[in-house]
Amino acid sequence: MAEVERQVREVMAEVLEVDARRIGEEFARGDAPSWDSLNHLRLVAAIEEAFGVRFTMREVGEMESYAAIRRLLAARIASA
């Protein structure tokens, strides 16, 4: 799971243009000025592509933090 967490941080850092070291358990949408609605969709698409998964619209709406993304991704990977 550590590898998954590292990869999620890298994807988030690239899309949101932040240092991956800033992305921790408490990192949320308000912590990155670039995390607007367009970059939110880009972030979801990048995570889906990186991990070969698809999220529902409800899940996309819940992805407001690193912790939420990690939780939803773990559930999606476990069900694959």
PDB file of N, CA and C in Angstrom:
ATOM      1  N   MET A   1       0.818  -1.201   0.000  1.00  0.00           N
ATOM      2  CA  MET A   1       0.000   0.000   0.000  1.00  0.00           C
ATOM      3  C   MET A   1       0.859   1.261   0.000  1.00  0.00           C
ATOM      4  N   ALA A   2       2.065   1.184   0.531  1.00  0.00           N
ATOM      5  CA  ALA A   2       2.957   2.345   0.541  1.00  0.00           C
ATOM      6  C   ALA A   2       3.260   2.819  -0.876  1.00  0.00           C
ATOM      7  N   GLU A   3       3.385   1.892  -1.797  1.00  0.00           N
ATOM      8  CA  GLU A   3       3.644   2.252  -3.194  1.00  0.00           C
ATOM      9  C   GLU A   3       2.448   2.986  -3.793  1.00  0.00           C
ATOM     10  N   VAL A   4       1.251   2.533  -3.468  1.00  0.00           N
ATOM     11  CA  VAL A   4       0.028   3.191  -3.943  1.00  0.00           C
ATOM     12  C   VAL A   4      -0.029   4.615  -3.394  1.00  0.00           C
ATOM     13  N   GLU A   5       0.250   4.779  -2.113  1.00  0.00           N
ATOM     14  CA  GLU A   5       0.227   6.108  -1.504  1.00  0.00           C
ATOM     15  C   GLU A   5       1.246   7.031  -2.154  1.00  0.00           C
ATOM     16  N   ARG A   6       2.432   6.516  -2.419  1.00  0.00           N
ATOM     17  CA  ARG A   6       3.472   7.322  -3.078  1.00  0.00           C
ATOM     18  C   ARG A   6       3.002   7.754  -4.462  1.00  0.00           C
ATOM     19  N   GLN A   7       2.399   6.823  -5.201  1.00  0.00           N
ATOM     20  CA  GLN A   7       1.953   7.132  -6.550  1.00  0.00           C
ATOM     21  C   GLN A   7       0.797   8.141  -6.536  1.00  0.00           C
ATOM     22  N   VAL A   8      -0.111   8.014  -5.570  1.00  0.00           N
ATOM     23  CA  VAL A   8      -1.209   8.982  -5.454  1.00  0.00           C
ATOM     24  C   VAL A   8      -0.636  10.369  -5.192  1.00  0.00           C
ATOM     25  N   ARG A   9       0.328  10.462  -4.291  1.00  0.00           N
ATOM     26  CA  ARG A   9       0.961  11.759  -4.000  1.00  0.00           C
ATOM     27  C   ARG A   9       1.619  12.337  -5.256  1.00  0.00           C
ATOM     28  N   GLU A  10       2.290  11.500  -6.015  1.00  0.00           N
ATOM     29  CA  GLU A  10       2.954  11.974  -7.236  1.00  0.00           C
ATOM     30  C   GLU A  10       1.940  12.497  -8.249  1.00  0.00           C
ATOM     31  N   VAL A  11       0.846  11.769  -8.436  1.00  0.00           N
ATOM     32  CA  VAL A  11      -0.190  12.204  -9.373  1.00  0.00           C
ATOM     33  C   VAL A  11      -0.798  13.522  -8.903  1.00  0.00           C
ATOM     34  N   MET A  12      -1.124  13.600  -7.613  1.00  0.00           N
ATOM     35  CA  MET A  12      -1.701  14.832  -7.081  1.00  0.00           C
ATOM     36  C   MET A  12      -0.726  15.996  -7.240  1.00  0.00           C
ATOM     37  N   ALA A  13       0.538  15.773  -6.930  1.00  0.00           N
ATOM     38  CA  ALA A  13       1.543  16.832  -7.028  1.00  0.00           C
ATOM     39  C   ALA A  13       1.664  17.337  -8.458  1.00  0.00           C
ATOM     40  N   GLU A  14       1.651  16.416  -9.400  1.00  0.00           N
ATOM     41  CA  GLU A  14       1.789  16.819 -10.806  1.00  0.00           C
ATOM     42  C   GLU A  14       0.575  17.620 -11.277  1.00  0.00           C
ATOM     43  N   VAL A  15      -0.611  17.106 -11.026  1.00  0.00           N
ATOM     44  CA  VAL A  15      -1.830  17.771 -11.500  1.00  0.00           C
ATOM     45  C   VAL A  15      -2.043  19.108 -10.796  1.00  0.00           C
ATOM     46  N   LEU A  16      -1.804  19.129  -9.479  1.00  0.00           N
ATOM     47  CA  LEU A  16      -2.082  20.336  -8.696  1.00  0.00           C
ATOM     48  C   LEU A  16      -0.897  21.291  -8.605  1.00  0.00           C
ATOM     49  N   GLU A  17       0.241  20.875  -9.170  1.00  0.00           N
ATOM     50  CA  GLU A  17       1.455  21.689  -9.191  1.00  0.00           C
ATOM     51  C   GLU A  17       1.882  22.091  -7.783  1.00  0.00           C
ATOM     52  N   VAL A  18       1.976  21.081  -6.900  1.00  0.00           N
ATOM     53  CA  VAL A  18       2.469  21.284  -5.544  1.00  0.00           C
ATOM     54  C   VAL A  18       3.582  20.278  -5.279  1.00  0.00           C
ATOM     55  N   ASP A  19       4.370  20.545  -4.269  1.00  0.00           N
ATOM     56  CA  ASP A  19       5.430  19.632  -3.860  1.00  0.00           C
ATOM     57  C   ASP A  19       4.783  18.401  -3.223  1.00  0.00           C
ATOM     58  N   ALA A  20       5.150  17.215  -3.685  1.00  0.00           N
ATOM     59  CA  ALA A  20       4.571  15.969  -3.166  1.00  0.00           C
ATOM     60  C   ALA A  20       4.764  15.836  -1.664  1.00  0.00           C
ATOM     61  N   ARG A  21       5.814  16.446  -1.129  1.00  0.00           N
ATOM     62  CA  ARG A  21       6.063  16.367   0.314  1.00  0.00           C
ATOM     63  C   ARG A  21       5.012  17.119   1.127  1.00  0.00           C
ATOM     64  N   ARG A  22       4.289  18.037   0.492  1.00  0.00           N
ATOM     65  CA  ARG A  22       3.210  18.768   1.174  1.00  0.00           C
ATOM     66  C   ARG A  22       1.959  17.914   1.339  1.00  0.00           C
ATOM     67  N   ILE A  23       1.862  16.853   0.557  1.00  0.00           N
ATOM     68  CA  ILE A  23       0.648  16.048   0.533  1.00  0.00           C
ATOM     69  C   ILE A  23       0.722  14.975   1.604  1.00  0.00           C
ATOM     70  N   GLY A  24      -0.054  15.200   2.652  1.00  0.00           N
ATOM     71  CA  GLY A  24      -0.120  14.262   3.765  1.00  0.00           C
ATOM     72  C   GLY A  24      -1.565  13.979   4.106  1.00  0.00           C
ATOM     73  N   GLU A  25      -1.774  13.316   5.199  1.00  0.00           N
ATOM     74  CA  GLU A  25      -3.103  12.876   5.624  1.00  0.00           C
ATOM     75  C   GLU A  25      -4.114  14.013   5.684  1.00  0.00           C
ATOM     76  N   GLU A  26      -3.667  15.211   6.059  1.00  0.00           N
ATOM     77  CA  GLU A  26      -4.580  16.346   6.224  1.00  0.00           C
ATOM     78  C   GLU A  26      -4.733  17.204   4.958  1.00  0.00           C
ATOM     79  N   PHE A  27      -3.993  16.898   3.914  1.00  0.00           N
ATOM     80  CA  PHE A  27      -4.015  17.705   2.685  1.00  0.00           C
ATOM     81  C   PHE A  27      -5.406  17.615   2.048  1.00  0.00           C
ATOM     82  N   ALA A  28      -5.992  18.786   1.795  1.00  0.00           N
ATOM     83  CA  ALA A  28      -7.345  18.834   1.237  1.00  0.00           C
ATOM     84  C   ALA A  28      -7.440  19.919   0.170  1.00  0.00           C
ATOM     85  N   ARG A  29      -8.586  19.962  -0.462  1.00  0.00           N
ATOM     86  CA  ARG A  29      -8.816  20.864  -1.590  1.00  0.00           C
ATOM     87  C   ARG A  29      -8.423  22.309  -1.279  1.00  0.00           C
ATOM     88  N   GLY A  30      -8.687  22.790  -0.097  1.00  0.00           N
ATOM     89  CA  GLY A  30      -8.367  24.162   0.273  1.00  0.00           C
ATOM     90  C   GLY A  30      -6.881  24.437   0.438  1.00  0.00           C
ATOM     91  N   ASP A  31      -6.066  23.394   0.464  1.00  0.00           N
ATOM     92  CA  ASP A  31      -4.621  23.553   0.653  1.00  0.00           C
ATOM     93  C   ASP A  31      -3.861  23.822  -0.642  1.00  0.00           C
ATOM     94  N   ALA A  32      -4.534  23.692  -1.767  1.00  0.00           N
ATOM     95  CA  ALA A  32      -3.888  23.914  -3.063  1.00  0.00           C
ATOM     96  C   ALA A  32      -4.742  24.883  -3.874  1.00  0.00           C
ATOM     97  N   PRO A  33      -4.273  26.114  -4.075  1.00  0.00           N
ATOM     98  CA  PRO A  33      -5.049  27.093  -4.838  1.00  0.00           C
ATOM     99  C   PRO A  33      -5.419  26.597  -6.247  1.00  0.00           C
ATOM    100  N   SER A  34      -4.606  25.713  -6.799  1.00  0.00           N
ATOM    101  CA  SER A  34      -4.870  25.212  -8.147  1.00  0.00           C
ATOM    102  C   SER A  34      -5.942  24.128  -8.180  1.00  0.00           C
ATOM    103  N   TRP A  35      -6.412  23.671  -7.007  1.00  0.00           N
ATOM    104  CA  TRP A  35      -7.409  22.594  -6.953  1.00  0.00           C
ATOM    105  C   TRP A  35      -8.795  23.192  -7.182  1.00  0.00           C
ATOM    106  N   ASP A  36      -9.042  23.577  -8.417  1.00  0.00           N
ATOM    107  CA  ASP A  36     -10.340  24.108  -8.807  1.00  0.00           C
ATOM    108  C   ASP A  36     -11.149  22.990  -9.469  1.00  0.00           C
ATOM    109  N   SER A  37     -12.317  23.316 -10.008  1.00  0.00           N
ATOM    110  CA  SER A  37     -13.189  22.272 -10.564  1.00  0.00           C
ATOM    111  C   SER A  37     -12.553  21.580 -11.770  1.00  0.00           C
ATOM    112  N   LEU A  38     -11.857  22.325 -12.614  1.00  0.00           N
ATOM    113  CA  LEU A  38     -11.216  21.716 -13.781  1.00  0.00           C
ATOM    114  C   LEU A  38     -10.085  20.786 -13.346  1.00  0.00           C
ATOM    115  N   ASN A  39      -9.237  21.240 -12.453  1.00  0.00           N
ATOM    116  CA  ASN A  39      -8.139  20.387 -11.994  1.00  0.00           C
ATOM    117  C   ASN A  39      -8.643  19.217 -11.159  1.00  0.00           C
ATOM    118  N   HIS A  40      -9.797  19.363 -10.538  1.00  0.00           N
ATOM    119  CA  HIS A  40     -10.389  18.236  -9.816  1.00  0.00           C
ATOM    120  C   HIS A  40     -10.686  17.111 -10.810  1.00  0.00           C
ATOM    121  N   LEU A  41     -11.294  17.462 -11.928  1.00  0.00           N
ATOM    122  CA  LEU A  41     -11.599  16.454 -12.955  1.00  0.00           C
ATOM    123  C   LEU A  41     -10.323  15.885 -13.564  1.00  0.00           C
ATOM    124  N   ARG A  42      -9.328  16.735 -13.777  1.00  0.00           N
ATOM    125  CA  ARG A  42      -8.039  16.251 -14.288  1.00  0.00           C
ATOM    126  C   ARG A  42      -7.391  15.294 -13.297  1.00  0.00           C
ATOM    127  N   LEU A  43      -7.497  15.609 -12.012  1.00  0.00           N
ATOM    128  CA  LEU A  43      -6.928  14.760 -10.967  1.00  0.00           C
ATOM    129  C   LEU A  43      -7.604  13.391 -10.954  1.00  0.00           C
ATOM    130  N   VAL A  44      -8.925  13.384 -10.992  1.00  0.00           N
ATOM    131  CA  VAL A  44      -9.659  12.119 -10.999  1.00  0.00           C
ATOM    132  C   VAL A  44      -9.271  11.295 -12.222  1.00  0.00           C
ATOM    133  N   ALA A  45      -9.234  11.921 -13.383  1.00  0.00           N
ATOM    134  CA  ALA A  45      -8.873  11.203 -14.606  1.00  0.00           C
ATOM    135  C   ALA A  45      -7.455  10.647 -14.525  1.00  0.00           C
ATOM    136  N   ALA A  46      -6.532  11.415 -13.965  1.00  0.00           N
ATOM    137  CA  ALA A  46      -5.145  10.961 -13.845  1.00  0.00           C
ATOM    138  C   ALA A  46      -5.032   9.770 -12.891  1.00  0.00           C
ATOM    139  N   ILE A  47      -5.786   9.802 -11.800  1.00  0.00           N
ATOM    140  CA  ILE A  47      -5.768   8.680 -10.860  1.00  0.00           C
ATOM    141  C   ILE A  47      -6.404   7.452 -11.495  1.00  0.00           C
ATOM    142  N   GLU A  48      -7.512   7.646 -12.191  1.00  0.00           N
ATOM    143  CA  GLU A  48      -8.143   6.520 -12.876  1.00  0.00           C
ATOM    144  C   GLU A  48      -7.191   5.886 -13.884  1.00  0.00           C
ATOM    145  N   GLU A  49      -6.496   6.709 -14.632  1.00  0.00           N
ATOM    146  CA  GLU A  49      -5.548   6.194 -15.625  1.00  0.00           C
ATOM    147  C   GLU A  49      -4.359   5.495 -14.970  1.00  0.00           C
ATOM    148  N   ALA A  50      -3.823   6.097 -13.937  1.00  0.00           N
ATOM    149  CA  ALA A  50      -2.643   5.536 -13.275  1.00  0.00           C
ATOM    150  C   ALA A  50      -2.920   4.173 -12.644  1.00  0.00           C
ATOM    151  N   PHE A  51      -4.149   3.979 -12.151  1.00  0.00           N
ATOM    152  CA  PHE A  51      -4.467   2.753 -11.429  1.00  0.00           C
ATOM    153  C   PHE A  51      -5.415   1.826 -12.177  1.00  0.00           C
ATOM    154  N   GLY A  52      -5.865   2.240 -13.358  1.00  0.00           N
ATOM    155  CA  GLY A  52      -6.752   1.386 -14.153  1.00  0.00           C
ATOM    156  C   GLY A  52      -8.099   1.148 -13.487  1.00  0.00           C
ATOM    157  N   VAL A  53      -8.646   2.188 -12.869  1.00  0.00           N
ATOM    158  CA  VAL A  53      -9.934   2.087 -12.188  1.00  0.00           C
ATOM    159  C   VAL A  53     -10.870   3.171 -12.714  1.00  0.00           C
ATOM    160  N   ARG A  54     -12.157   3.057 -12.356  1.00  0.00           N
ATOM    161  CA  ARG A  54     -13.140   4.087 -12.671  1.00  0.00           C
ATOM    162  C   ARG A  54     -13.938   4.378 -11.413  1.00  0.00           C
ATOM    163  N   PHE A  55     -14.224   5.646 -11.176  1.00  0.00           N
ATOM    164  CA  PHE A  55     -14.995   6.064 -10.019  1.00  0.00           C
ATOM    165  C   PHE A  55     -16.384   6.503 -10.446  1.00  0.00           C
ATOM    166  N   THR A  56     -17.342   6.351  -9.545  1.00  0.00           N
ATOM    167  CA  THR A  56     -18.699   6.826  -9.801  1.00  0.00           C
ATOM    168  C   THR A  56     -18.731   8.342  -9.601  1.00  0.00           C
ATOM    169  N   MET A  57     -19.797   8.966 -10.055  1.00  0.00           N
ATOM    170  CA  MET A  57     -19.930  10.416  -9.865  1.00  0.00           C
ATOM    171  C   MET A  57     -19.997  10.757  -8.381  1.00  0.00           C
ATOM    172  N   ARG A  58     -20.641   9.915  -7.584  1.00  0.00           N
ATOM    173  CA  ARG A  58     -20.692  10.137  -6.138  1.00  0.00           C
ATOM    174  C   ARG A  58     -19.284  10.122  -5.557  1.00  0.00           C
ATOM    175  N   GLU A  59     -18.479   9.145  -5.964  1.00  0.00           N
ATOM    176  CA  GLU A  59     -17.108   9.047  -5.464  1.00  0.00           C
ATOM    177  C   GLU A  59     -16.276  10.253  -5.900  1.00  0.00           C
ATOM    178  N   VAL A  60     -16.464  10.683  -7.140  1.00  0.00           N
ATOM    179  CA  VAL A  60     -15.738  11.859  -7.631  1.00  0.00           C
ATOM    180  C   VAL A  60     -16.049  13.066  -6.757  1.00  0.00           C
ATOM    181  N   GLY A  61     -17.301  13.208  -6.353  1.00  0.00           N
ATOM    182  CA  GLY A  61     -17.700  14.310  -5.484  1.00  0.00           C
ATOM    183  C   GLY A  61     -17.113  14.224  -4.087  1.00  0.00           C
ATOM    184  N   GLU A  62     -16.780  13.016  -3.648  1.00  0.00           N
ATOM    185  CA  GLU A  62     -16.217  12.811  -2.311  1.00  0.00           C
ATOM    186  C   GLU A  62     -14.708  13.031  -2.273  1.00  0.00           C
ATOM    187  N   MET A  63     -14.061  13.123  -3.404  1.00  0.00           N
ATOM    188  CA  MET A  63     -12.601  13.189  -3.471  1.00  0.00           C
ATOM    189  C   MET A  63     -12.099  14.597  -3.176  1.00  0.00           C
ATOM    190  N   GLU A  64     -12.290  15.041  -1.942  1.00  0.00           N
ATOM    191  CA  GLU A  64     -11.946  16.399  -1.545  1.00  0.00           C
ATOM    192  C   GLU A  64     -10.646  16.489  -0.755  1.00  0.00           C
ATOM    193  N   SER A  65      -9.984  15.331  -0.547  1.00  0.00           N
ATOM    194  CA  SER A  65      -8.745  15.330   0.232  1.00  0.00           C
ATOM    195  C   SER A  65      -7.900  14.124  -0.168  1.00  0.00           C
ATOM    196  N   TYR A  66      -6.634  14.182   0.227  1.00  0.00           N
ATOM    197  CA  TYR A  66      -5.751  13.033  -0.004  1.00  0.00           C
ATOM    198  C   TYR A  66      -6.301  11.803   0.702  1.00  0.00           C
ATOM    199  N   ALA A  67      -6.762  11.954   1.933  1.00  0.00           N
ATOM    200  CA  ALA A  67      -7.281  10.821   2.708  1.00  0.00           C
ATOM    201  C   ALA A  67      -8.496  10.199   2.015  1.00  0.00           C
ATOM    202  N   ALA A  68      -9.398  11.024   1.509  1.00  0.00           N
ATOM    203  CA  ALA A  68     -10.591  10.513   0.826  1.00  0.00           C
ATOM    204  C   ALA A  68     -10.209   9.799  -0.463  1.00  0.00           C
ATOM    205  N   ILE A  69      -9.272  10.381  -1.208  1.00  0.00           N
ATOM    206  CA  ILE A  69      -8.826   9.751  -2.449  1.00  0.00           C
ATOM    207  C   ILE A  69      -8.199   8.401  -2.151  1.00  0.00           C
ATOM    208  N   ARG A  70      -7.342   8.361  -1.143  1.00  0.00           N
ATOM    209  CA  ARG A  70      -6.685   7.110  -0.774  1.00  0.00           C
ATOM    210  C   ARG A  70      -7.702   6.055  -0.355  1.00  0.00           C
ATOM    211  N   ARG A  71      -8.682   6.456   0.446  1.00  0.00           N
ATOM    212  CA  ARG A  71      -9.722   5.529   0.911  1.00  0.00           C
ATOM    213  C   ARG A  71     -10.554   4.987  -0.253  1.00  0.00           C
ATOM    214  N   LEU A  72     -11.001   5.871  -1.132  1.00  0.00           N
ATOM    215  CA  LEU A  72     -11.809   5.446  -2.269  1.00  0.00           C
ATOM    216  C   LEU A  72     -11.012   4.571  -3.233  1.00  0.00           C
ATOM    217  N   LEU A  73      -9.767   4.919  -3.435  1.00  0.00           N
ATOM    218  CA  LEU A  73      -8.905   4.133  -4.323  1.00  0.00           C
ATOM    219  C   LEU A  73      -8.662   2.739  -3.731  1.00  0.00           C
ATOM    220  N   ALA A  74      -8.405   2.668  -2.438  1.00  0.00           N
ATOM    221  CA  ALA A  74      -8.177   1.369  -1.788  1.00  0.00           C
ATOM    222  C   ALA A  74      -9.405   0.468  -1.936  1.00  0.00           C
ATOM    223  N   ALA A  75     -10.586   1.048  -1.771  1.00  0.00           N
ATOM    224  CA  ALA A  75     -11.826   0.277  -1.919  1.00  0.00           C
ATOM    225  C   ALA A  75     -11.991  -0.198  -3.355  1.00  0.00           C
ATOM    226  N   ARG A  76     -11.648   0.656  -4.304  1.00  0.00           N
ATOM    227  CA  ARG A  76     -11.795   0.310  -5.722  1.00  0.00           C
ATOM    228  C   ARG A  76     -10.794  -0.791  -6.103  1.00  0.00           C
ATOM    229  N   ILE A  77      -9.578  -0.681  -5.618  1.00  0.00           N
ATOM    230  CA  ILE A  77      -8.551  -1.693  -5.912  1.00  0.00           C
ATOM    231  C   ILE A  77      -8.943  -3.031  -5.278  1.00  0.00           C
ATOM    232  N   ALA A  78      -9.468  -2.993  -4.060  1.00  0.00           N
ATOM    233  CA  ALA A  78      -9.838  -4.217  -3.356  1.00  0.00           C
ATOM    234  C   ALA A  78     -10.983  -4.952  -4.068  1.00  0.00           C
ATOM    235  N   SER A  79     -11.854  -4.187  -4.728  1.00  0.00           N
ATOM    236  CA  SER A  79     -12.998  -4.814  -5.399  1.00  0.00           C
ATOM    237  C   SER A  79     -12.667  -5.257  -6.821  1.00  0.00           C
ATOM    238  N   ALA A  80     -11.458  -4.951  -7.275  1.00  0.00           N
ATOM    239  CA  ALA A  80     -11.082  -5.314  -8.662  1.00  0.00           C
ATOM    240  C   ALA A  80     -10.653  -6.765  -8.752  1.00  0.00           C
TER     241      ALA A  80
END
